[in-house]
Amino acid sequence: MHESKRNAQLFTSRRINEIAAGDLSFLLEIAAVHEKKLPDFFTVLDVFELCFLELSKSYRAEYYFKNTVARKILFGIHSLNTATVIPEFRVGKNKADCVVLNGRSVCYEIKSSYDNLSRLPDQLASYKKIFDEVFVVTSHEHLEKVFENIPLDVGVIELTKRNTLSVLRSASRNSEPVDVPVLMKSLRLKEYKEMVRLATGKMPLENNTEVFERCEKELSKIPSNIIRGLFCKVLKETRKVDKDYVTKLPESLLMAGISYTLKQGNRRSLIKNLKINLSKEMLCTTQFLEVSSLS
């Protein structure tokens, strides 16, 4: 398990930023652990691909789930031309793991084998206040408890042992009124102002201390089906995925590219640094330096 968790750390924001900055020390440590599985000469990208393969076999935790959902749903069903994905979208006291916006808003709440299900009912109740459809994405180990503890209108998707997404129950289209106060707190200033502008034809001109109340009041007058459409339309623009950047990344780094904040220069550096050539001889040197620093 320790080795598996170390593999997963390679896909964290901290490690991705290190590699973008040219610091390969942690990646070389990981590569040394997998030395027998690597060819004599390999690239930074090869290490990522190997570690992601290892995660698929032994540690399908949150990042693996999120990346699989984004890859198979955003790229497999939709496209970056017509849809966007928002990770960690705040709704009330909760954060939706993955939200895909196309013609409708679909929330995917992830529960890996390592997650606790105690908060799931409260999370789903929050998400149903604003999203068109809500799914739970989980592994076989949790399926029975998930089906027992969630509403019938929430869909269920299993990440199978073959690492495919199997829809076991479709989500019902939400017909309840949108909870405007909850929605407002999930949006940025420019987003709810733009929704009001599109709905009324007028941009709210109040100062920042008053505009929130004005926008909430205006949106509360609008039918929920209109609000749902405006929500998708506006956030598809304001939370748009950088297509040029993300499509240059390997599939294993899709969610890292979508989730982590990197400056434009660091994004270019990351793509470039993935091609850096390495060798097993370098790994031996790295291991020697580690031993020397401990002695």
Protein backbone atom coordinates (compact mmCIF):
# COMPACT_ATOMS: atom_id res chain seq x y z
CA MET A 1 0.00 0.00 0.00
CA HIS A 2 2.88 2.38 0.79
CA GLU A 3 4.27 1.98 -2.72
CA SER A 4 0.82 2.51 -4.22
CA LYS A 5 0.32 5.74 -2.26
CA ARG A 6 3.72 6.96 -3.44
CA ASN A 7 2.65 6.29 -7.02
CA ALA A 8 -0.49 8.35 -6.42
CA GLN A 9 1.55 11.26 -5.03
CA LEU A 10 3.14 11.70 -8.44
CA PHE A 11 -0.24 12.97 -9.71
CA THR A 12 -0.73 15.63 -6.99
CA SER A 13 -0.60 19.36 -7.66
CA ARG A 14 2.67 19.69 -5.74
CA ARG A 15 4.50 17.09 -7.83
CA ILE A 16 3.09 18.30 -11.15
CA ASN A 17 4.26 21.82 -10.34
CA GLU A 18 7.70 20.49 -9.41
CA ILE A 19 8.07 18.75 -12.75
CA ALA A 20 6.84 21.84 -14.61
CA ALA A 21 9.62 23.74 -12.80
CA GLY A 22 12.20 21.13 -13.84
CA ASP A 23 12.55 19.42 -10.45
CA LEU A 24 12.58 15.69 -11.21
CA SER A 25 13.88 14.49 -7.83
CA PHE A 26 10.62 12.89 -6.63
CA LEU A 27 9.90 11.36 -10.03
CA LEU A 28 13.37 9.78 -10.05
CA GLU A 29 12.70 8.32 -6.60
CA ILE A 30 9.52 6.73 -7.95
CA ALA A 31 11.29 5.54 -11.07
CA ALA A 32 13.96 3.86 -8.93
CA VAL A 33 11.26 1.84 -7.18
CA HIS A 34 10.01 0.63 -10.57
CA GLU A 35 13.46 0.21 -12.11
CA LYS A 36 12.90 -3.42 -13.16
CA LYS A 37 9.74 -2.45 -15.08
CA LEU A 38 11.42 0.36 -17.01
CA PRO A 39 13.64 0.03 -20.10
CA ASP A 40 17.27 1.16 -19.92
CA PHE A 41 16.28 4.48 -21.44
CA PHE A 42 12.89 6.08 -20.78
CA THR A 43 11.17 9.46 -20.49
CA VAL A 44 9.42 11.36 -17.72
CA LEU A 45 6.15 10.49 -19.46
CA ASP A 46 6.99 6.78 -19.28
CA VAL A 47 7.18 7.01 -15.49
CA PHE A 48 3.75 8.66 -15.32
CA GLU A 49 2.22 6.04 -17.59
CA LEU A 50 3.74 3.18 -15.59
CA CYS A 51 2.53 4.65 -12.28
CA PHE A 52 -0.96 5.20 -13.63
CA LEU A 53 -1.04 1.58 -14.79
CA GLU A 54 0.00 0.50 -11.30
CA LEU A 55 -2.80 2.62 -9.79
CA SER A 56 -5.30 0.83 -12.01
CA LYS A 57 -4.21 -2.48 -10.49
CA SER A 58 -3.64 -1.71 -6.83
CA TYR A 59 -4.78 1.75 -5.71
CA ARG A 60 -7.85 3.11 -7.48
CA ALA A 61 -8.22 6.12 -5.22
CA GLU A 62 -9.75 9.54 -5.91
CA TYR A 63 -7.39 10.77 -8.64
CA TYR A 64 -7.75 7.54 -10.60
CA PHE A 65 -11.55 7.76 -10.41
CA LYS A 66 -11.64 11.44 -11.40
CA ASN A 67 -9.29 10.94 -14.31
CA THR A 68 -11.29 7.98 -15.57
CA VAL A 69 -14.58 9.88 -15.34
CA ALA A 70 -13.14 12.89 -17.18
CA ARG A 71 -11.51 10.76 -19.86
CA LYS A 72 -14.42 8.45 -20.57
CA ILE A 73 -17.24 10.98 -20.21
CA LEU A 74 -15.76 14.27 -21.37
CA PHE A 75 -13.79 12.71 -24.23
CA GLY A 76 -15.71 9.50 -24.75
CA ILE A 77 -19.26 10.91 -24.81
CA HIS A 78 -18.79 14.66 -25.23
CA SER A 79 -15.91 16.79 -26.50
CA LEU A 80 -14.06 19.90 -25.36
CA ASN A 81 -15.75 21.77 -28.20
CA THR A 82 -19.19 21.37 -26.66
CA ALA A 83 -18.67 20.57 -22.98
CA THR A 84 -16.55 21.45 -19.99
CA VAL A 85 -15.71 19.71 -16.73
CA ILE A 86 -15.37 21.38 -13.33
CA PRO A 87 -13.63 19.47 -10.53
CA GLU A 88 -14.29 20.24 -6.85
CA PHE A 89 -17.33 22.48 -7.49
CA ARG A 90 -18.58 23.91 -4.20
CA VAL A 91 -22.28 23.44 -3.37
CA GLY A 92 -23.20 24.60 0.12
CA LYS A 93 -20.87 22.85 2.58
CA ASN A 94 -19.92 20.18 0.05
CA LYS A 95 -17.75 19.93 -3.04
CA ALA A 96 -18.94 17.97 -6.06
CA ASP A 97 -16.05 15.82 -7.28
CA CYS A 98 -16.71 16.29 -10.97
CA VAL A 99 -19.34 18.33 -12.83
CA VAL A 100 -19.79 18.04 -16.59
CA LEU A 101 -21.66 20.81 -18.39
CA ASN A 102 -23.01 20.26 -21.86
CA GLY A 103 -26.66 20.93 -22.63
CA ARG A 104 -27.32 20.03 -19.01
CA SER A 105 -25.41 19.96 -15.74
CA VAL A 106 -24.40 16.49 -14.52
CA CYS A 107 -22.72 15.91 -11.16
CA TYR A 108 -20.54 12.86 -10.49
CA GLU A 109 -19.86 12.15 -6.82
CA ILE A 110 -16.97 9.70 -6.46
CA LYS A 111 -16.75 7.10 -3.72
CA SER A 112 -13.70 4.90 -4.10
CA SER A 113 -13.08 1.80 -2.02
CA TYR A 114 -11.08 3.99 0.37
CA ASP A 115 -13.89 6.51 0.96
CA ASN A 116 -16.44 6.58 3.77
CA LEU A 117 -20.11 6.75 2.76
CA SER A 118 -21.40 8.51 5.89
CA ARG A 119 -21.63 11.95 4.24
CA LEU A 120 -23.12 10.71 0.96
CA PRO A 121 -26.83 11.42 1.71
CA ASP A 122 -26.08 15.02 2.71
CA GLN A 123 -23.83 15.52 -0.32
CA LEU A 124 -26.46 14.24 -2.74
CA ALA A 125 -29.16 16.39 -1.15
CA SER A 126 -26.98 19.45 -1.78
CA TYR A 127 -26.21 18.57 -5.38
CA LYS A 128 -29.85 17.95 -6.23
CA LYS A 129 -30.58 21.58 -5.36
CA ILE A 130 -28.81 22.87 -8.47
CA PHE A 131 -27.78 20.11 -10.91
CA ASP A 132 -29.92 18.52 -13.63
CA GLU A 133 -28.65 15.01 -12.93
CA VAL A 134 -26.63 13.42 -10.13
CA PHE A 135 -24.61 10.19 -10.24
CA VAL A 136 -22.57 8.26 -7.69
CA VAL A 137 -19.47 6.67 -9.20
CA THR A 138 -18.14 3.85 -7.06
CA SER A 139 -16.43 0.48 -6.98
CA HIS A 140 -17.96 -2.96 -6.51
CA GLU A 141 -17.21 -2.98 -2.77
CA HIS A 142 -19.61 -0.08 -2.10
CA LEU A 143 -22.42 -0.92 -4.51
CA GLU A 144 -24.78 -2.62 -2.08
CA LYS A 145 -24.58 0.19 0.49
CA VAL A 146 -24.87 2.86 -2.19
CA PHE A 147 -28.08 1.38 -3.58
CA GLU A 148 -29.49 1.07 -0.04
CA ASN A 149 -28.76 4.65 0.97
CA ILE A 150 -29.39 6.93 -2.00
CA PRO A 151 -32.62 8.24 -3.59
CA LEU A 152 -34.02 6.44 -6.62
CA ASP A 153 -33.51 9.49 -8.84
CA VAL A 154 -29.73 9.40 -8.32
CA GLY A 155 -27.82 7.37 -10.89
CA VAL A 156 -25.19 4.76 -10.09
CA ILE A 157 -22.04 4.06 -12.12
CA GLU A 158 -19.57 1.32 -11.30
CA LEU A 159 -15.88 1.58 -12.09
CA THR A 160 -15.47 -2.08 -12.95
CA LYS A 161 -12.48 -4.30 -12.36
CA ARG A 162 -11.70 -3.88 -16.06
CA ASN A 163 -11.57 -0.11 -15.46
CA THR A 164 -14.65 0.65 -17.52
CA LEU A 165 -17.61 2.77 -16.40
CA SER A 166 -20.81 0.75 -16.24
CA VAL A 167 -24.10 2.64 -15.75
CA LEU A 168 -26.11 0.45 -13.37
CA ARG A 169 -28.89 2.99 -12.95
CA SER A 170 -29.54 6.14 -14.94
CA ALA A 171 -30.15 9.41 -13.15
CA SER A 172 -33.59 11.00 -13.45
CA ARG A 173 -33.75 14.54 -14.82
CA ASN A 174 -34.24 16.90 -11.90
CA SER A 175 -37.66 18.58 -11.99
CA GLU A 176 -37.39 20.33 -8.63
CA PRO A 177 -36.99 24.13 -8.52
CA VAL A 178 -33.38 25.35 -8.48
CA ASP A 179 -32.35 26.55 -5.02
CA VAL A 180 -31.24 30.03 -6.09
CA PRO A 181 -29.55 31.03 -2.76
CA VAL A 182 -27.45 27.84 -2.89
CA LEU A 183 -26.66 28.37 -6.57
CA MET A 184 -25.59 31.97 -5.98
CA LYS A 185 -23.03 30.94 -3.37
CA SER A 186 -21.57 28.44 -5.85
CA LEU A 187 -20.98 31.11 -8.50
CA ARG A 188 -18.43 33.84 -9.02
CA LEU A 189 -19.45 37.49 -9.19
CA LYS A 190 -19.09 37.76 -12.95
CA GLU A 191 -21.04 34.51 -13.43
CA TYR A 192 -24.23 35.48 -11.62
CA LYS A 193 -24.07 38.99 -13.11
CA GLU A 194 -23.86 37.47 -16.58
CA MET A 195 -26.77 35.13 -15.86
CA VAL A 196 -28.89 38.12 -14.85
CA ARG A 197 -27.80 40.06 -17.94
CA LEU A 198 -28.77 37.21 -20.24
CA ALA A 199 -32.11 36.74 -18.45
CA THR A 200 -33.15 40.39 -18.21
CA GLY A 201 -31.15 42.13 -20.91
CA LYS A 202 -29.58 44.43 -18.30
CA MET A 203 -26.26 44.16 -16.49
CA PRO A 204 -26.59 44.81 -12.72
CA LEU A 205 -24.70 48.03 -11.94
CA GLU A 206 -24.85 48.02 -8.13
CA ASN A 207 -21.62 47.98 -6.16
CA ASN A 208 -20.28 44.64 -4.94
CA THR A 209 -21.96 44.88 -1.53
CA GLU A 210 -25.40 45.18 -3.12
CA VAL A 211 -25.10 43.30 -6.40
CA PHE A 212 -25.33 39.85 -4.78
CA GLU A 213 -28.74 40.58 -3.29
CA ARG A 214 -29.93 42.20 -6.52
CA CYS A 215 -28.86 39.23 -8.63
CA GLU A 216 -30.37 36.72 -6.22
CA LYS A 217 -33.65 38.62 -6.32
CA GLU A 218 -33.67 38.76 -10.13
CA LEU A 219 -32.79 35.07 -10.57
CA SER A 220 -35.47 34.07 -8.07
CA LYS A 221 -38.08 35.48 -10.47
CA ILE A 222 -36.91 33.32 -13.37
CA PRO A 223 -38.32 29.82 -14.07
CA SER A 224 -35.96 27.03 -13.04
CA ASN A 225 -35.68 25.59 -16.54
CA ILE A 226 -34.34 28.95 -17.75
CA ILE A 227 -31.89 29.18 -14.83
CA ARG A 228 -30.60 25.68 -15.57
CA GLY A 229 -29.89 26.65 -19.16
CA LEU A 230 -28.19 29.91 -18.17
CA PHE A 231 -26.07 28.07 -15.60
CA CYS A 232 -24.73 25.71 -18.26
CA LYS A 233 -24.27 28.44 -20.87
CA VAL A 234 -22.36 30.83 -18.63
CA LEU A 235 -20.13 28.31 -16.87
CA LYS A 236 -19.21 26.59 -20.11
CA GLU A 237 -17.49 29.88 -20.94
CA THR A 238 -16.18 31.00 -17.54
CA ARG A 239 -14.89 27.55 -16.51
CA LYS A 240 -13.79 26.48 -19.97
CA VAL A 241 -11.03 23.87 -20.14
CA ASP A 242 -7.85 25.01 -21.92
CA LYS A 243 -8.22 22.66 -24.88
CA ASP A 244 -4.83 23.42 -26.44
CA TYR A 245 -3.07 22.55 -23.20
CA VAL A 246 -5.09 19.56 -22.03
CA THR A 247 -5.09 17.75 -25.39
CA LYS A 248 -1.28 17.83 -25.39
CA LEU A 249 -1.14 15.93 -22.11
CA PRO A 250 -1.20 12.13 -21.87
CA GLU A 251 -4.47 10.50 -20.77
CA SER A 252 -3.04 9.78 -17.33
CA LEU A 253 -2.65 13.53 -16.71
CA LEU A 254 -6.01 14.69 -18.07
CA MET A 255 -7.54 15.53 -14.69
CA ALA A 256 -4.27 17.07 -13.48
CA GLY A 257 -4.37 19.38 -16.49
CA ILE A 258 -7.96 20.34 -15.78
CA SER A 259 -7.68 20.68 -11.98
CA TYR A 260 -4.30 22.20 -11.19
CA THR A 261 -3.49 25.88 -11.62
CA LEU A 262 -0.32 26.43 -13.63
CA LYS A 263 0.78 29.62 -15.30
CA GLN A 264 0.95 29.54 -19.08
CA GLY A 265 4.74 29.29 -19.07
CA ASN A 266 4.68 26.39 -16.60
CA ARG A 267 2.12 24.59 -18.75
CA ARG A 268 4.48 24.78 -21.72
CA SER A 269 7.35 23.63 -19.51
CA LEU A 270 5.36 20.65 -18.22
CA ILE A 271 4.58 19.45 -21.74
CA LYS A 272 8.23 19.90 -22.69
CA ASN A 273 9.59 18.22 -19.56
CA LEU A 274 7.44 15.12 -20.09
CA LYS A 275 9.72 14.36 -23.04
CA ILE A 276 12.97 14.52 -21.04
CA ASN A 277 15.06 11.41 -21.58
CA LEU A 278 16.21 9.46 -18.53
CA SER A 279 18.19 6.29 -17.90
CA LYS A 280 18.62 3.58 -15.29
CA GLU A 281 22.15 4.86 -14.74
CA MET A 282 20.63 8.11 -13.46
CA LEU A 283 18.49 6.12 -11.02
CA CYS A 284 21.56 4.46 -9.53
CA THR A 285 23.11 7.92 -9.04
CA THR A 286 19.89 9.15 -7.42
CA GLN A 287 19.82 6.22 -5.01
CA PHE A 288 23.50 6.80 -4.13
CA LEU A 289 22.84 10.48 -3.36
CA GLU A 290 19.87 9.54 -1.14
CA VAL A 291 21.96 7.06 0.86
CA SER A 292 24.79 9.62 1.19
CA SER A 293 22.43 12.30 2.49
CA LEU A 294 21.15 9.94 5.21
CA SER A 295 24.58 8.84 6.41
